[in-house]
Amino acid sequence: MKTCKDQLNRKLLFGRKPKRIVSLVPSQTELLVDLGLEGFIVGVTKFCVHPNHLRMSKMVVGGTKEINIEKIKALRPDIILCNKEENTKEMIEELTGIAPIHVSDVYNLEDSFELINMYGDIFEIERTTSTLISNIKLEREAFQLQNQDIEKLKVAYFIWKKPWMVAASDNFINVMLNEARFINVFESEKRYPEIDFNNSKLKEADLIFLSTEPFPFKKADVIELQSQFPDKKIKIVDGELFSWYGSRLLKSYKYFQTLHN
């Protein structure tokens, strides 16, 4: 009997190495593929867009907040992969009893590396996960070395419209803004506060970033904010490279470099 824990410190028991995986978190689905586990994935969400062929070759069982429980049962999974923030508590309770449920809880890079190592243990691919973590750390070190003397600009990072919401502290986006050598003007606040355009912290920002996810900001939104803040640089940024905490981290640091060029 194989025993492991998830990031909520819940114990999981397996009779054998899991070979039928349902992943309900897009970034974790991509991570599985990059770890060589695509052949073991049987179910994904409609938001599992990387790699883009996956939703045609695997069963789509719903989204990250709502699922078709009968489809998941029919897949006879050995393990179901969830995330505390992306999936609801009610969803996880509904899935209980179908298969062991591994719940991730990622707020920083250390949590991300811990999750990758957990997958290495569960799926018995420790060498592969160790190599991935080493490669991410190499990208990070190269970026830090190249930008150790760069001026840190102040940024406001929008994640939603109607209502307007920004990333503050206690989330992975804020960690990655710091990693990218920016100062989050909302770092003293918690999570994802709603704000209006008269917010004093917003006025402090040198840059305004509009993320491509979860709200898909477009050029029209840049024009709208530019009319409100004509003296600020406003840019649409790749939300996946700021918020996906799996293998996409390999691409984040080279992308961050382009934001400083």
Protein backbone atom coordinates (compact mmCIF):
# COMPACT_ATOMS: atom_id res chain seq x y z
CA MET A 1 0.00 0.00 0.00
CA LYS A 2 1.44 3.37 -1.08
CA THR A 3 0.89 6.33 1.25
CA CYS A 4 1.42 10.05 0.58
CA LYS A 5 0.06 13.44 1.63
CA ASP A 6 -1.30 16.39 -0.32
CA GLN A 7 -0.64 20.07 0.39
CA LEU A 8 -3.51 20.24 2.87
CA ASN A 9 -1.70 17.50 4.82
CA ARG A 10 -4.43 14.98 3.97
CA LYS A 11 -3.30 11.36 3.78
CA LEU A 12 -3.85 9.47 0.52
CA LEU A 13 -3.64 5.68 0.15
CA PHE A 14 -3.04 3.82 -3.12
CA GLY A 15 -3.09 0.11 -3.79
CA ARG A 16 -0.68 0.72 -6.70
CA LYS A 17 0.87 3.55 -8.69
CA PRO A 18 -1.99 5.66 -10.12
CA LYS A 19 -2.36 5.08 -13.85
CA ARG A 20 -5.71 6.76 -14.54
CA ILE A 21 -5.61 10.49 -13.75
CA VAL A 22 -8.39 13.07 -13.73
CA SER A 23 -6.94 16.59 -13.54
CA LEU A 24 -9.25 19.48 -12.67
CA VAL A 25 -6.58 22.20 -12.75
CA PRO A 26 -5.23 23.53 -16.09
CA SER A 27 -1.70 24.33 -14.89
CA GLN A 28 -1.42 20.91 -13.26
CA THR A 29 -2.66 19.21 -16.43
CA GLU A 30 0.11 20.88 -18.42
CA LEU A 31 2.59 19.84 -15.73
CA LEU A 32 1.53 16.20 -16.04
CA VAL A 33 2.06 16.27 -19.80
CA ASP A 34 5.49 17.86 -19.46
CA LEU A 35 6.41 15.17 -16.92
CA GLY A 36 5.64 12.50 -19.50
CA LEU A 37 2.30 11.44 -18.00
CA GLU A 38 -0.05 12.36 -20.87
CA GLY A 39 -0.81 8.69 -21.52
CA PHE A 40 -2.16 8.30 -17.97
CA ILE A 41 -4.55 11.28 -18.15
CA VAL A 42 -8.17 10.21 -18.73
CA GLY A 43 -10.12 13.35 -17.76
CA VAL A 44 -9.55 17.12 -17.96
CA THR A 45 -11.48 20.39 -17.73
CA LYS A 46 -12.59 22.59 -20.61
CA PHE A 47 -9.95 25.09 -19.45
CA CYS A 48 -7.05 22.64 -19.84
CA VAL A 49 -5.82 24.41 -22.96
CA HIS A 50 -2.16 23.33 -22.90
CA PRO A 51 -1.35 21.30 -24.87
CA ASN A 52 -4.24 22.32 -27.11
CA HIS A 53 -4.92 18.83 -28.49
CA LEU A 54 -5.63 17.37 -25.06
CA ARG A 55 -9.33 18.23 -24.93
CA MET A 56 -9.86 16.28 -28.15
CA SER A 57 -8.08 13.14 -26.94
CA LYS A 58 -9.28 13.09 -23.29
CA MET A 59 -12.73 13.22 -21.68
CA VAL A 60 -13.77 16.77 -20.76
CA VAL A 61 -15.55 16.49 -17.42
CA GLY A 62 -16.58 20.13 -16.88
CA GLY A 63 -14.81 23.23 -15.63
CA THR A 64 -12.82 24.09 -12.54
CA LYS A 65 -15.92 25.06 -10.54
CA GLU A 66 -18.57 22.72 -11.97
CA ILE A 67 -18.09 19.11 -13.03
CA ASN A 68 -20.08 16.20 -14.42
CA ILE A 69 -19.70 13.73 -11.58
CA GLU A 70 -21.07 10.80 -13.59
CA LYS A 71 -18.47 11.30 -16.32
CA ILE A 72 -15.72 11.21 -13.71
CA LYS A 73 -17.12 8.06 -12.11
CA ALA A 74 -17.28 6.36 -15.53
CA LEU A 75 -13.58 7.08 -16.09
CA ARG A 76 -12.67 4.94 -13.04
CA PRO A 77 -9.77 7.22 -12.03
CA ASP A 78 -7.00 6.08 -9.71
CA ILE A 79 -6.43 9.67 -8.58
CA ILE A 80 -8.14 13.06 -8.95
CA LEU A 81 -5.96 16.18 -8.90
CA CYS A 82 -7.49 19.39 -7.50
CA ASN A 83 -6.43 22.77 -6.15
CA LYS A 84 -7.73 24.57 -3.06
CA GLU A 85 -8.21 27.92 -4.82
CA GLU A 86 -9.35 26.81 -8.28
CA ASN A 87 -11.77 24.07 -7.21
CA THR A 88 -14.56 24.45 -4.69
CA LYS A 89 -14.81 22.69 -1.34
CA GLU A 90 -18.22 21.37 -2.39
CA MET A 91 -16.72 19.86 -5.54
CA ILE A 92 -14.03 18.06 -3.56
CA GLU A 93 -16.64 16.72 -1.14
CA GLU A 94 -18.73 15.48 -4.07
CA LEU A 95 -15.71 13.64 -5.50
CA THR A 96 -14.90 11.92 -2.23
CA GLY A 97 -15.16 8.15 -2.52
CA ILE A 98 -14.55 7.98 -6.27
CA ALA A 99 -10.75 7.95 -5.95
CA PRO A 100 -8.03 9.47 -3.76
CA ILE A 101 -8.10 13.27 -4.18
CA HIS A 102 -4.82 15.17 -4.13
CA VAL A 103 -5.37 18.87 -3.35
CA SER A 104 -2.60 21.37 -4.09
CA ASP A 105 -2.26 24.67 -2.23
CA VAL A 106 0.33 26.89 -3.91
CA TYR A 107 1.18 30.40 -2.75
CA ASN A 108 4.89 30.64 -3.57
CA LEU A 109 7.72 28.94 -5.43
CA GLU A 110 8.53 26.65 -2.52
CA ASP A 111 4.94 25.35 -2.63
CA SER A 112 5.26 24.84 -6.38
CA PHE A 113 8.45 22.82 -6.00
CA GLU A 114 6.84 20.80 -3.21
CA LEU A 115 3.90 19.97 -5.47
CA ILE A 116 6.18 18.88 -8.31
CA ASN A 117 8.11 16.68 -5.88
CA MET A 118 4.83 15.20 -4.63
CA TYR A 119 3.93 14.20 -8.19
CA GLY A 120 7.37 12.68 -8.53
CA ASP A 121 6.67 10.50 -5.51
CA ILE A 122 3.08 9.58 -6.42
CA PHE A 123 3.81 8.70 -10.05
CA GLU A 124 7.31 7.35 -9.36
CA ILE A 125 9.13 9.79 -11.63
CA GLU A 126 11.42 11.44 -9.07
CA ARG A 127 14.30 11.91 -11.50
CA THR A 128 12.06 13.72 -13.99
CA THR A 129 10.56 16.05 -11.38
CA SER A 130 13.98 16.77 -9.88
CA THR A 131 15.29 17.76 -13.33
CA LEU A 132 12.32 20.05 -13.94
CA ILE A 133 12.82 21.86 -10.63
CA SER A 134 16.55 22.25 -11.34
CA ASN A 135 15.82 23.75 -14.76
CA ILE A 136 13.31 26.23 -13.34
CA LYS A 137 15.86 27.30 -10.73
CA LEU A 138 18.48 27.80 -13.45
CA GLU A 139 16.11 30.10 -15.38
CA ARG A 140 15.40 32.00 -12.18
CA GLU A 141 19.07 32.42 -11.31
CA ALA A 142 19.92 33.63 -14.82
CA PHE A 143 17.16 36.25 -14.67
CA GLN A 144 18.19 37.43 -11.21
CA LEU A 145 21.82 37.76 -12.25
CA GLN A 146 20.94 39.76 -15.35
CA ASN A 147 18.57 42.08 -13.48
CA GLN A 148 20.12 42.46 -10.05
CA ASP A 149 20.70 46.19 -10.52
CA ILE A 150 17.51 47.04 -12.42
CA GLU A 151 15.20 49.75 -11.10
CA LYS A 152 12.03 48.18 -9.71
CA LEU A 153 8.97 49.91 -11.14
CA LYS A 154 5.65 50.04 -9.31
CA VAL A 155 2.82 48.09 -10.93
CA ALA A 156 -0.91 47.48 -10.55
CA TYR A 157 -1.96 44.07 -11.88
CA PHE A 158 -5.63 43.81 -12.94
CA ILE A 159 -7.25 40.37 -13.05
CA TRP A 160 -10.92 41.32 -13.56
CA LYS A 161 -13.32 43.92 -14.92
CA LYS A 162 -16.87 44.71 -13.71
CA PRO A 163 -15.89 44.92 -10.93
CA TRP A 164 -12.30 46.02 -11.42
CA MET A 165 -10.11 43.72 -9.32
CA VAL A 166 -6.36 43.56 -8.77
CA ALA A 167 -3.92 41.02 -7.41
CA ALA A 168 -2.74 42.04 -3.94
CA SER A 169 -0.83 39.80 -1.48
CA ASP A 170 -1.32 36.16 -0.38
CA ASN A 171 -1.39 34.81 -3.92
CA PHE A 172 1.02 33.39 -6.48
CA ILE A 173 0.69 36.38 -8.83
CA ASN A 174 2.15 38.71 -6.22
CA VAL A 175 5.09 36.36 -5.72
CA MET A 176 5.74 36.31 -9.45
CA LEU A 177 5.50 40.10 -9.72
CA ASN A 178 8.27 40.25 -7.14
CA GLU A 179 10.18 37.56 -9.03
CA ALA A 180 9.85 39.71 -12.17
CA ARG A 181 11.38 42.62 -10.20
CA PHE A 182 8.28 44.76 -9.94
CA ILE A 183 6.73 46.34 -6.86
CA ASN A 184 3.03 45.56 -6.44
CA VAL A 185 1.38 48.78 -5.23
CA PHE A 186 -1.41 46.69 -3.66
CA GLU A 187 0.90 44.34 -1.77
CA SER A 188 -0.30 45.70 1.60
CA GLU A 189 -3.83 44.46 0.86
CA LYS A 190 -5.13 40.88 0.80
CA ARG A 191 -5.93 38.55 -2.08
CA TYR A 192 -7.95 40.17 -4.92
CA PRO A 193 -9.58 43.45 -3.79
CA GLU A 194 -12.11 45.41 -5.80
CA ILE A 195 -10.94 48.95 -6.53
CA ASP A 196 -12.07 52.06 -8.36
CA PHE A 197 -10.01 54.41 -10.48
CA ASN A 198 -9.72 56.96 -7.64
CA ASN A 199 -7.74 54.53 -5.51
CA SER A 200 -4.65 56.28 -4.17
CA LYS A 201 -2.44 53.19 -4.57
CA LEU A 202 -3.41 52.93 -8.23
CA LYS A 203 -2.21 56.47 -8.74
CA GLU A 204 1.23 55.46 -7.39
CA ALA A 205 1.76 52.85 -10.11
CA ASP A 206 4.28 53.44 -12.90
CA LEU A 207 2.75 50.59 -14.91
CA ILE A 208 -0.68 49.02 -15.22
CA PHE A 209 -0.77 45.37 -16.26
CA LEU A 210 -3.96 43.84 -17.66
CA SER A 211 -3.81 40.06 -17.44
CA THR A 212 -5.00 37.72 -20.17
CA GLU A 213 -6.66 35.57 -17.50
CA PRO A 214 -8.91 35.00 -15.66
CA PHE A 215 -10.50 38.01 -17.41
CA PRO A 216 -9.41 38.17 -21.06
CA PHE A 217 -8.42 41.83 -21.29
CA LYS A 218 -8.20 43.19 -24.84
CA LYS A 219 -6.83 46.23 -26.64
CA ALA A 220 -10.10 48.10 -26.03
CA ASP A 221 -9.48 47.82 -22.28
CA VAL A 222 -6.02 49.31 -22.72
CA ILE A 223 -7.60 52.27 -24.54
CA GLU A 224 -10.20 52.67 -21.78
CA LEU A 225 -7.59 52.77 -19.02
CA GLN A 226 -5.26 54.97 -21.03
CA SER A 227 -7.99 57.60 -21.16
CA GLN A 228 -8.18 57.45 -17.34
CA PHE A 229 -4.40 57.39 -16.83
CA PRO A 230 -2.74 59.11 -19.81
CA ASP A 231 0.63 59.37 -18.02
CA LYS A 232 0.96 55.63 -17.27
CA LYS A 233 2.21 52.78 -19.41
CA ILE A 234 -0.55 50.18 -19.78
CA LYS A 235 0.20 46.72 -21.07
CA ILE A 236 -1.61 43.40 -21.58
CA VAL A 237 0.50 40.65 -19.99
CA ASP A 238 0.41 36.87 -20.23
CA GLY A 239 -1.51 35.79 -17.14
CA GLU A 240 -0.41 32.18 -17.44
CA LEU A 241 3.22 33.19 -16.99
CA PHE A 242 2.34 35.02 -13.78
CA SER A 243 -0.11 32.54 -12.27
CA TRP A 244 0.56 29.01 -13.56
CA TYR A 245 2.79 27.32 -11.02
CA GLY A 246 3.79 24.14 -12.84
CA SER A 247 6.12 23.52 -15.77
CA ARG A 248 5.13 26.85 -17.36
CA LEU A 249 7.53 28.42 -14.87
CA LEU A 250 10.26 27.36 -17.30
CA LYS A 251 9.00 30.08 -19.66
CA SER A 252 8.18 32.78 -17.08
CA TYR A 253 11.61 34.30 -16.55
CA LYS A 254 12.45 34.80 -20.22
CA TYR A 255 9.03 36.46 -20.56
CA PHE A 256 9.70 38.70 -17.55
CA GLN A 257 12.86 39.87 -19.28
CA THR A 258 10.82 41.17 -22.23
CA LEU A 259 8.77 43.33 -19.86
CA HIS A 260 11.94 45.21 -18.90
CA ASN A 261 13.29 45.67 -22.43
